[in-house]
């Protein structure tokens, strides 16, 4: 409360978004930062579903920066309940002077009957735009040198050795051993051995046997998204060297590259899995590398279906998440009703994801807004906002849509589809 309405508040540790929430309530602009995906996902959900009182403004044209309206009011007991209160001192009593008035900034005049929601805000990452300065197809963000990239790969290998576990859905894990750089390679970053217990028979009493398989790993750029070319070259080399699986590790991945990863087994002859690396790895030596750390996690691929309505509009249905298990070589399906949140951009431009519609199927995130509006909308409206089917929409200028799904670990899973 040391700021004035319209001021900019910066919070470098977002957490659950309390700073942004309070700033929205009291008319402050805000900027909040965090290195972890989960707090940012929680803060986004909290802001999207928050409701606030409507405060009277001194100057509507200036908005909150013009200040709020305060009045002096008393209740039936004679107690001061307004934003302007008298400040009675011994000096004013002794000199029989009228007390000076003070403004309590947390008591502006409220206008009943109006429910206020969070204003427009952006959700951005600090990963720079990938740049290819030399035109050789290699990402050169920030003019990164070969020595710097080598240092990044060495750091990733060291982290992978200390935490040789890949996290899957439903607390399943893939264990790695003998993680090391390949002897001779053009595109791969590391090789390892995966091992797991597989049943040799059927039924609950089936005897299991330990199976070991050689796998290849490729690390995406430190400051950029995994490209389609990187996946293609790594998969081609992994197939040529008879690796059983390719793990593509990155902080972000382009939609085309993600599509190639999912089709790698059919197109390139070797199965591939995208592994999401936590941004905490950017902390370098400050990162605690414990075996229990969820540093690397295998993400699912959103499965959607586009419906054409009679009014020549479109509807998007989230069918769920398809998660590939590299140990059993099977694809497990998770229904759309079981995801924490998903968002739809009805006119995706390949650069910026703009949330046109937001849904929270597994949570009661819209309950606060529902109570604030006091039943002004039918129950079907709230069921829709917690469902898996979007509202009808017309095709935009770019003729393509994007769906972003947030999983339990805060990973953002993006799928892009063209509209017919």
Protein backbone atom coordinates (compact mmCIF):
# COMPACT_ATOMS: atom_id res chain seq x y z
CA UNK A 1 0.00 0.00 0.00
CA UNK A 2 3.01 2.32 -0.37
CA UNK A 3 2.06 2.82 -4.04
CA UNK A 4 -0.62 4.92 -5.69
CA UNK A 5 -3.30 3.73 -8.13
CA UNK A 6 -1.78 3.35 -11.58
CA UNK A 7 1.75 2.61 -10.29
CA UNK A 8 3.71 -0.40 -11.56
CA UNK A 9 4.47 -3.14 -9.01
CA UNK A 10 7.23 -5.70 -9.65
CA UNK A 11 7.36 -9.05 -7.84
CA UNK A 12 10.34 -11.26 -8.85
CA UNK A 13 8.92 -14.24 -6.91
CA UNK A 14 5.40 -14.85 -8.23
CA UNK A 15 4.34 -17.79 -6.07
CA UNK A 16 0.57 -18.17 -6.26
CA UNK A 17 0.13 -14.66 -7.70
CA UNK A 18 -0.91 -12.74 -4.57
CA UNK A 19 0.95 -9.59 -5.64
CA UNK A 20 -0.78 -9.57 -9.02
CA UNK A 21 -4.14 -10.32 -7.39
CA UNK A 22 -3.85 -7.44 -4.90
CA UNK A 23 -2.53 -5.11 -7.60
CA UNK A 24 -5.59 -5.86 -9.75
CA UNK A 25 -7.87 -5.24 -6.79
CA UNK A 26 -6.42 -1.82 -5.98
CA UNK A 27 -5.82 -0.49 -9.49
CA UNK A 28 -2.08 -1.02 -9.74
CA UNK A 29 -0.26 -2.27 -12.82
CA UNK A 30 1.84 -5.33 -12.12
CA UNK A 31 4.66 -7.49 -13.39
CA UNK A 32 5.46 -10.80 -11.71
CA UNK A 33 8.17 -13.37 -12.45
CA UNK A 34 8.91 -16.99 -11.53
CA UNK A 35 11.29 -19.72 -12.71
CA UNK A 36 8.87 -22.59 -12.11
CA UNK A 37 5.89 -23.47 -14.31
CA UNK A 38 3.52 -24.56 -11.54
CA UNK A 39 3.30 -21.19 -9.68
CA UNK A 40 2.74 -19.39 -12.97
CA UNK A 41 -0.05 -21.79 -13.92
CA UNK A 42 -1.68 -21.29 -10.51
CA UNK A 43 -1.37 -17.51 -10.77
CA UNK A 44 -2.91 -17.51 -14.25
CA UNK A 45 -5.89 -19.57 -13.10
CA UNK A 46 -6.32 -17.38 -10.02
CA UNK A 47 -6.36 -14.18 -12.07
CA UNK A 48 -8.61 -15.53 -14.82
CA UNK A 49 -11.30 -16.50 -12.31
CA UNK A 50 -10.94 -13.65 -9.78
CA UNK A 51 -13.64 -11.09 -9.00
CA UNK A 52 -13.25 -7.65 -7.38
CA UNK A 53 -15.48 -4.78 -6.18
CA UNK A 54 -16.06 -1.84 -8.50
CA UNK A 55 -14.59 1.34 -6.99
CA UNK A 56 -15.81 4.80 -8.00
CA UNK A 57 -13.19 6.77 -9.93
CA UNK A 58 -12.45 10.49 -9.70
CA UNK A 59 -11.75 10.71 -13.43
CA UNK A 60 -13.14 7.96 -15.65
CA UNK A 61 -10.95 9.05 -18.57
CA UNK A 62 -7.75 8.41 -16.57
CA UNK A 63 -8.90 5.18 -14.98
CA UNK A 64 -7.40 4.11 -11.62
CA UNK A 65 -4.45 6.49 -12.16
CA UNK A 66 -6.86 9.37 -11.49
CA UNK A 67 -7.56 8.05 -7.99
CA UNK A 68 -10.59 6.69 -6.17
CA UNK A 69 -13.49 8.54 -4.56
CA UNK A 70 -13.48 8.71 -0.74
CA UNK A 71 -16.25 9.98 1.56
CA UNK A 72 -16.77 10.50 5.26
CA UNK A 73 -19.56 8.22 6.57
CA UNK A 74 -20.80 6.95 9.92
CA UNK A 75 -22.91 3.94 10.78
CA UNK A 76 -25.84 3.89 13.20
CA UNK A 77 -23.46 3.56 16.14
CA UNK A 78 -21.60 6.71 15.15
CA UNK A 79 -18.51 4.79 14.04
CA UNK A 80 -16.46 6.05 11.11
CA UNK A 81 -16.85 3.60 8.23
CA UNK A 82 -15.90 5.78 5.26
CA UNK A 83 -12.60 6.43 3.59
CA UNK A 84 -12.22 9.86 5.21
CA UNK A 85 -11.85 9.85 9.01
CA UNK A 86 -11.01 12.58 11.57
CA UNK A 87 -7.57 12.50 13.19
CA UNK A 88 -8.16 13.66 16.78
CA UNK A 89 -5.05 14.67 18.73
CA UNK A 90 -4.47 16.12 22.20
CA UNK A 91 -3.39 19.40 20.58
CA UNK A 92 -6.65 19.76 18.67
CA UNK A 93 -8.64 19.05 21.84
CA UNK A 94 -6.64 21.53 23.95
CA UNK A 95 -6.91 24.30 21.37
CA UNK A 96 -10.53 23.44 20.58
CA UNK A 97 -9.58 23.04 16.93
CA UNK A 98 -11.46 20.90 14.41
CA UNK A 99 -9.59 17.62 13.85
CA UNK A 100 -7.72 17.15 10.62
CA UNK A 101 -9.05 14.57 8.20
CA UNK A 102 -7.15 11.53 6.93
CA UNK A 103 -7.80 9.28 3.96
CA UNK A 104 -7.83 5.51 4.50
CA UNK A 105 -6.81 4.28 1.07
CA UNK A 106 -8.35 0.82 1.55
CA UNK A 107 -11.88 2.28 1.94
CA UNK A 108 -12.84 3.75 -1.45
CA UNK A 109 -16.50 4.08 -2.38
CA UNK A 110 -17.89 0.89 -3.89
CA UNK A 111 -20.56 0.83 -6.57
CA UNK A 112 -22.90 -2.04 -5.83
CA UNK A 113 -24.32 -4.24 -8.55
CA UNK A 114 -21.14 -4.34 -10.66
CA UNK A 115 -18.73 -7.29 -10.65
CA UNK A 116 -15.21 -6.49 -11.83
CA UNK A 117 -12.84 -9.11 -13.27
CA UNK A 118 -9.13 -9.08 -14.06
CA UNK A 119 -8.08 -6.86 -16.94
CA UNK A 120 -6.17 -8.16 -19.99
CA UNK A 121 -2.69 -9.49 -19.21
CA UNK A 122 0.10 -11.30 -21.06
CA UNK A 123 1.88 -14.52 -20.12
CA UNK A 124 5.37 -14.44 -21.60
CA UNK A 125 8.56 -16.51 -21.50
CA UNK A 126 12.10 -15.16 -21.36
CA UNK A 127 13.40 -17.52 -24.07
CA UNK A 128 14.81 -15.32 -26.87
CA UNK A 129 13.65 -15.77 -30.45
CA UNK A 130 15.81 -18.39 -32.21
CA UNK A 131 18.15 -16.79 -34.74
CA UNK A 132 20.20 -18.45 -37.50
CA UNK A 133 22.90 -15.89 -38.23
CA UNK A 134 25.05 -18.14 -40.43
CA UNK A 135 22.19 -19.60 -42.48
CA UNK A 136 23.30 -23.16 -41.83
CA UNK A 137 20.13 -24.28 -40.07
CA UNK A 138 21.78 -24.14 -36.64
CA UNK A 139 20.15 -21.97 -34.00
CA UNK A 140 22.49 -19.09 -33.03
CA UNK A 141 20.49 -17.13 -30.41
CA UNK A 142 22.62 -14.48 -28.80
CA UNK A 143 25.58 -15.36 -31.08
CA UNK A 144 26.28 -18.38 -28.93
CA UNK A 145 29.67 -19.89 -29.60
CA UNK A 146 30.51 -23.55 -30.02
CA UNK A 147 32.35 -23.44 -26.70
CA UNK A 148 29.29 -22.04 -24.94
CA UNK A 149 27.03 -24.70 -26.45
CA UNK A 150 29.52 -27.37 -25.43
CA UNK A 151 29.44 -26.05 -21.89
CA UNK A 152 25.64 -26.24 -21.92
CA UNK A 153 25.71 -29.87 -23.11
CA UNK A 154 28.28 -30.76 -20.44
CA UNK A 155 26.06 -29.19 -17.78
CA UNK A 156 23.01 -31.07 -19.03
CA UNK A 157 24.96 -34.35 -19.00
CA UNK A 158 26.11 -33.73 -15.45
CA UNK A 159 22.55 -33.02 -14.30
CA UNK A 160 21.29 -36.12 -16.09
CA UNK A 161 23.93 -38.27 -14.39
CA UNK A 162 22.94 -36.95 -10.96
CA UNK A 163 19.21 -37.24 -11.69
CA UNK A 164 18.92 -40.12 -14.21
CA UNK A 165 15.14 -40.30 -14.05
CA UNK A 166 12.48 -39.30 -16.58
CA UNK A 167 9.01 -38.71 -15.12
CA UNK A 168 5.92 -40.09 -16.85
CA UNK A 169 2.22 -39.79 -16.11
CA UNK A 170 0.78 -41.55 -13.03
CA UNK A 171 4.16 -41.42 -11.23
CA UNK A 172 5.79 -43.86 -13.66
CA UNK A 173 9.48 -43.35 -14.29
CA UNK A 174 12.16 -44.25 -16.82
CA UNK A 175 15.59 -44.92 -15.32
CA UNK A 176 18.82 -44.28 -17.18
CA UNK A 177 22.35 -45.49 -16.56
CA UNK A 178 25.73 -45.12 -18.25
CA UNK A 179 24.86 -41.62 -19.46
CA UNK A 180 27.77 -40.40 -21.60
CA UNK A 181 28.49 -38.47 -24.81
CA UNK A 182 28.64 -40.61 -27.98
CA UNK A 183 32.07 -41.54 -29.31
CA UNK A 184 31.41 -40.10 -32.78
CA UNK A 185 28.33 -38.07 -33.58
CA UNK A 186 26.99 -35.32 -35.80
CA UNK A 187 23.65 -34.55 -34.15
CA UNK A 188 23.28 -36.53 -30.91
CA UNK A 189 24.17 -35.15 -27.48
CA UNK A 190 24.34 -38.30 -25.34
CA UNK A 191 23.67 -42.00 -25.16
CA UNK A 192 22.46 -44.13 -22.24
CA UNK A 193 20.95 -47.45 -21.23
CA UNK A 194 17.33 -47.75 -20.09
CA UNK A 195 16.30 -50.69 -17.99
CA UNK A 196 13.00 -51.94 -16.63
CA UNK A 197 11.17 -55.01 -15.34
CA UNK A 198 8.91 -56.65 -17.92
CA UNK A 199 6.55 -59.61 -17.25
CA UNK A 200 7.38 -62.79 -19.12
CA UNK A 201 3.90 -64.25 -18.73
CA UNK A 202 0.30 -63.25 -18.14
CA UNK A 203 -1.57 -62.74 -14.90
CA UNK A 204 -0.68 -61.20 -11.57
CA UNK A 205 1.88 -63.87 -10.73
CA UNK A 206 3.87 -63.47 -13.94
CA UNK A 207 7.63 -63.56 -13.52
CA UNK A 208 9.47 -60.45 -14.67
CA UNK A 209 12.80 -60.04 -16.40
CA UNK A 210 15.07 -57.01 -16.55
CA UNK A 211 15.51 -55.66 -20.07
CA UNK A 212 18.19 -53.14 -21.04
CA UNK A 213 18.02 -51.04 -24.20
CA UNK A 214 20.45 -48.50 -25.71
CA UNK A 215 18.90 -45.08 -26.24
CA UNK A 216 20.05 -41.76 -27.70
CA UNK A 217 19.46 -38.25 -26.38
CA UNK A 218 19.61 -34.87 -28.07
CA UNK A 219 19.45 -31.56 -26.20
CA UNK A 220 17.65 -28.58 -27.65
CA UNK A 221 19.12 -25.06 -27.57
CA UNK A 222 19.65 -23.32 -24.25
CA UNK A 223 17.83 -20.18 -25.45
CA UNK A 224 15.23 -21.38 -27.89
CA UNK A 225 12.79 -24.07 -28.90
CA UNK A 226 13.58 -27.48 -30.37
CA UNK A 227 13.33 -27.23 -34.17
CA UNK A 228 12.04 -29.74 -36.69
CA UNK A 229 15.47 -29.94 -38.34
CA UNK A 230 17.14 -30.85 -35.04
CA UNK A 231 14.68 -33.70 -34.47
CA UNK A 232 15.06 -34.96 -38.05
CA UNK A 233 18.87 -35.06 -38.00
CA UNK A 234 19.00 -36.66 -34.54
CA UNK A 235 16.42 -39.30 -35.49
CA UNK A 236 18.25 -40.13 -38.71
CA UNK A 237 21.51 -40.69 -36.84
CA UNK A 238 19.82 -42.63 -34.02
CA UNK A 239 18.24 -44.98 -36.57
CA UNK A 240 21.53 -45.43 -38.42
CA UNK A 241 23.31 -46.37 -35.18
CA UNK A 242 20.56 -48.83 -34.14
CA UNK A 243 19.43 -47.06 -30.98
CA UNK A 244 16.07 -48.34 -29.77
CA UNK A 245 14.73 -44.92 -28.76
CA UNK A 246 15.45 -41.20 -29.10
CA UNK A 247 14.78 -38.73 -26.28
CA UNK A 248 14.50 -35.09 -27.35
CA UNK A 249 15.19 -32.89 -24.31
CA UNK A 250 14.31 -29.20 -24.42
CA UNK A 251 12.83 -26.22 -22.59
CA UNK A 252 10.33 -25.64 -25.42
CA UNK A 253 9.48 -27.25 -28.75
CA UNK A 254 8.01 -25.95 -31.99
CA UNK A 255 4.64 -27.46 -33.03
CA UNK A 256 6.09 -28.95 -36.24
CA UNK A 257 8.94 -30.50 -34.30
CA UNK A 258 6.49 -32.00 -31.82
CA UNK A 259 4.50 -33.53 -34.67
CA UNK A 260 7.67 -35.11 -36.08
CA UNK A 261 8.56 -36.53 -32.66
CA UNK A 262 5.18 -38.25 -32.46
CA UNK A 263 5.53 -39.70 -35.98
CA UNK A 264 9.20 -40.59 -35.68
CA UNK A 265 8.64 -44.34 -35.41
CA UNK A 266 6.80 -44.44 -38.75
CA UNK A 267 8.76 -41.77 -40.63
CA UNK A 268 12.32 -42.23 -39.33
CA UNK A 269 12.28 -45.84 -38.15
CA UNK A 270 13.05 -45.06 -34.51
CA UNK A 271 10.57 -44.16 -31.76
CA UNK A 272 11.07 -40.75 -30.14
CA UNK A 273 9.79 -39.01 -27.02
CA UNK A 274 9.88 -35.33 -26.12
CA UNK A 275 11.20 -34.67 -22.60
CA UNK A 276 10.40 -31.35 -20.94
CA UNK A 277 13.32 -29.91 -18.98
CA UNK A 278 12.52 -27.61 -16.07
CA UNK A 279 13.68 -23.96 -16.41
CA UNK A 280 15.34 -24.41 -13.01
CA UNK A 281 18.32 -25.79 -14.95
CA UNK A 282 19.12 -22.19 -15.88
CA UNK A 283 20.16 -21.67 -12.25
CA UNK A 284 23.39 -23.54 -12.91
CA UNK A 285 25.33 -24.33 -9.74
CA UNK A 286 22.42 -23.18 -7.54
CA UNK A 287 20.31 -26.15 -8.65
CA UNK A 288 20.02 -29.01 -6.18
CA UNK A 289 20.49 -32.21 -8.15
CA UNK A 290 18.70 -34.82 -6.07
CA UNK A 291 17.40 -38.13 -7.32
CA UNK A 292 13.93 -37.12 -6.16
CA UNK A 293 13.98 -33.94 -8.27
CA UNK A 294 11.54 -33.86 -11.17
CA UNK A 295 14.01 -32.17 -13.51
CA UNK A 296 13.05 -34.10 -16.66
CA UNK A 297 9.46 -35.09 -17.40
CA UNK A 298 7.84 -36.77 -20.41
CA UNK A 299 4.88 -34.74 -21.68
CA UNK A 300 1.73 -35.94 -23.40
CA UNK A 301 0.38 -34.77 -26.73
CA UNK A 302 -3.06 -33.10 -26.66
CA UNK A 303 -5.66 -34.83 -28.82
CA UNK A 304 -8.35 -32.55 -30.22
CA UNK A 305 -11.17 -32.79 -32.72
CA UNK A 306 -12.59 -29.92 -34.78
CA UNK A 307 -16.34 -29.93 -35.46
CA UNK A 308 -18.15 -27.87 -38.11
CA UNK A 309 -21.50 -26.42 -37.01
CA UNK A 310 -24.59 -25.77 -39.10
CA UNK A 311 -23.90 -22.03 -38.90
CA UNK A 312 -20.55 -22.64 -40.69
CA UNK A 313 -18.64 -22.06 -37.50
CA UNK A 314 -16.18 -24.30 -35.68
CA UNK A 315 -16.03 -26.01 -32.29
CA UNK A 316 -12.98 -27.64 -30.71
CA UNK A 317 -13.29 -30.69 -28.50
CA UNK A 318 -10.45 -31.76 -26.21
CA UNK A 319 -10.41 -35.55 -26.30
CA UNK A 320 -7.54 -35.87 -23.85
CA UNK A 321 -3.80 -36.45 -23.69
CA UNK A 322 -1.89 -39.23 -25.40
CA UNK A 323 1.23 -40.12 -23.38
CA UNK A 324 3.81 -42.46 -24.89
CA UNK A 325 5.48 -44.84 -22.43
CA UNK A 326 8.99 -45.50 -23.78
CA UNK A 327 9.43 -48.49 -21.47
CA UNK A 328 6.39 -50.53 -22.54
CA UNK A 329 6.27 -48.88 -26.01
CA UNK A 330 2.55 -48.24 -25.47
CA UNK A 331 0.42 -45.11 -25.66
CA UNK A 332 -1.78 -44.36 -22.65
CA UNK A 333 -4.79 -42.05 -22.95
CA UNK A 334 -5.95 -39.52 -20.38
CA UNK A 335 -9.42 -38.07 -20.83
CA UNK A 336 -10.03 -34.38 -21.33
CA UNK A 337 -12.08 -34.16 -18.12
CA UNK A 338 -8.93 -35.05 -16.15
CA UNK A 339 -6.71 -32.12 -17.20
CA UNK A 340 -6.34 -29.09 -14.88
CA UNK A 341 -6.75 -26.46 -17.61
CA UNK A 342 -6.82 -25.90 -21.36
CA UNK A 343 -6.95 -22.79 -23.52
CA UNK A 344 -7.99 -22.09 -27.10
CA UNK A 345 -6.62 -19.54 -29.57
CA UNK A 346 -9.16 -19.29 -32.39
CA UNK A 347 -6.77 -17.41 -34.73
CA UNK A 348 -3.21 -18.58 -34.05
CA UNK A 349 -0.48 -16.66 -35.93
CA UNK A 350 2.45 -19.02 -35.13
CA UNK A 351 4.03 -16.32 -32.95
CA UNK A 352 1.81 -15.40 -30.01
CA UNK A 353 -0.78 -17.56 -28.28
CA UNK A 354 -3.83 -15.43 -27.47
CA UNK A 355 -6.32 -17.00 -25.07
CA UNK A 356 -9.73 -16.69 -26.73
CA UNK A 357 -11.45 -19.24 -24.48
CA UNK A 358 -10.32 -20.76 -21.17
CA UNK A 359 -11.53 -23.96 -19.52
CA UNK A 360 -10.78 -25.64 -16.17
CA UNK A 361 -12.32 -29.14 -16.35
CA UNK A 362 -10.90 -30.69 -13.18
CA UNK A 363 -11.25 -27.79 -10.77
CA UNK A 364 -13.97 -25.53 -9.41
CA UNK A 365 -12.06 -22.47 -10.57
CA UNK A 366 -15.16 -20.62 -11.76
CA UNK A 367 -17.01 -20.97 -8.43
CA UNK A 368 -15.95 -17.51 -7.19
CA UNK A 369 -17.20 -15.82 -10.34
CA UNK A 370 -20.38 -17.89 -10.26
CA UNK A 371 -21.15 -16.77 -6.70
CA UNK A 372 -20.34 -13.14 -7.48
CA UNK A 373 -22.79 -13.05 -10.37
CA UNK A 374 -25.46 -14.59 -8.09
CA UNK A 375 -27.05 -16.94 -10.57
CA UNK A 376 -27.44 -14.47 -13.42
CA UNK A 377 -26.40 -17.20 -15.87
CA UNK A 378 -27.79 -20.66 -16.41
CA UNK A 379 -26.04 -23.66 -14.93
CA UNK A 380 -25.16 -24.87 -18.43
CA UNK A 381 -22.86 -21.86 -18.89
CA UNK A 382 -20.69 -22.89 -15.95
CA UNK A 383 -20.72 -26.51 -17.04
CA UNK A 384 -19.43 -25.35 -20.41
CA UNK A 385 -16.55 -23.39 -18.82
CA UNK A 386 -15.57 -26.55 -16.96
CA UNK A 387 -16.00 -28.80 -19.98
CA UNK A 388 -14.01 -30.07 -22.92
CA UNK A 389 -15.89 -28.46 -25.85
CA UNK A 390 -15.39 -24.85 -26.88
CA UNK A 391 -18.03 -22.32 -27.84
CA UNK A 392 -18.67 -21.94 -31.60
CA UNK A 393 -16.35 -19.48 -33.33
CA UNK A 394 -15.70 -18.19 -36.83
CA UNK A 395 -12.43 -18.83 -38.65
CA UNK A 396 -9.87 -16.05 -38.29
CA UNK A 397 -7.48 -14.50 -40.79
CA UNK A 398 -4.83 -17.19 -40.30
CA UNK A 399 -7.27 -20.12 -40.73
CA UNK A 400 -5.69 -22.13 -37.93
CA UNK A 401 -6.28 -22.72 -34.23
CA UNK A 402 -4.04 -23.68 -31.33
CA UNK A 403 -4.89 -25.52 -28.12
CA UNK A 404 -2.67 -25.29 -25.06
CA UNK A 405 -3.13 -27.85 -22.28
CA UNK A 406 -1.66 -27.47 -18.79
CA UNK A 407 -0.76 -30.77 -17.14
CA UNK A 408 -0.27 -31.59 -13.46
CA UNK A 409 3.38 -30.49 -13.51
CA UNK A 410 2.59 -27.13 -15.09
CA UNK A 411 3.92 -28.15 -18.52
CA UNK A 412 2.33 -26.29 -21.42
CA UNK A 413 1.46 -28.70 -24.23
CA UNK A 414 0.61 -27.04 -27.53
CA UNK A 415 -1.09 -28.48 -30.61
CA UNK A 416 -1.81 -26.49 -33.79
CA UNK A 417 -4.44 -27.42 -36.39
CA UNK A 418 -5.46 -25.89 -39.71
CA UNK A 419 -9.13 -25.13 -40.31
CA UNK A 420 -10.58 -26.68 -43.45
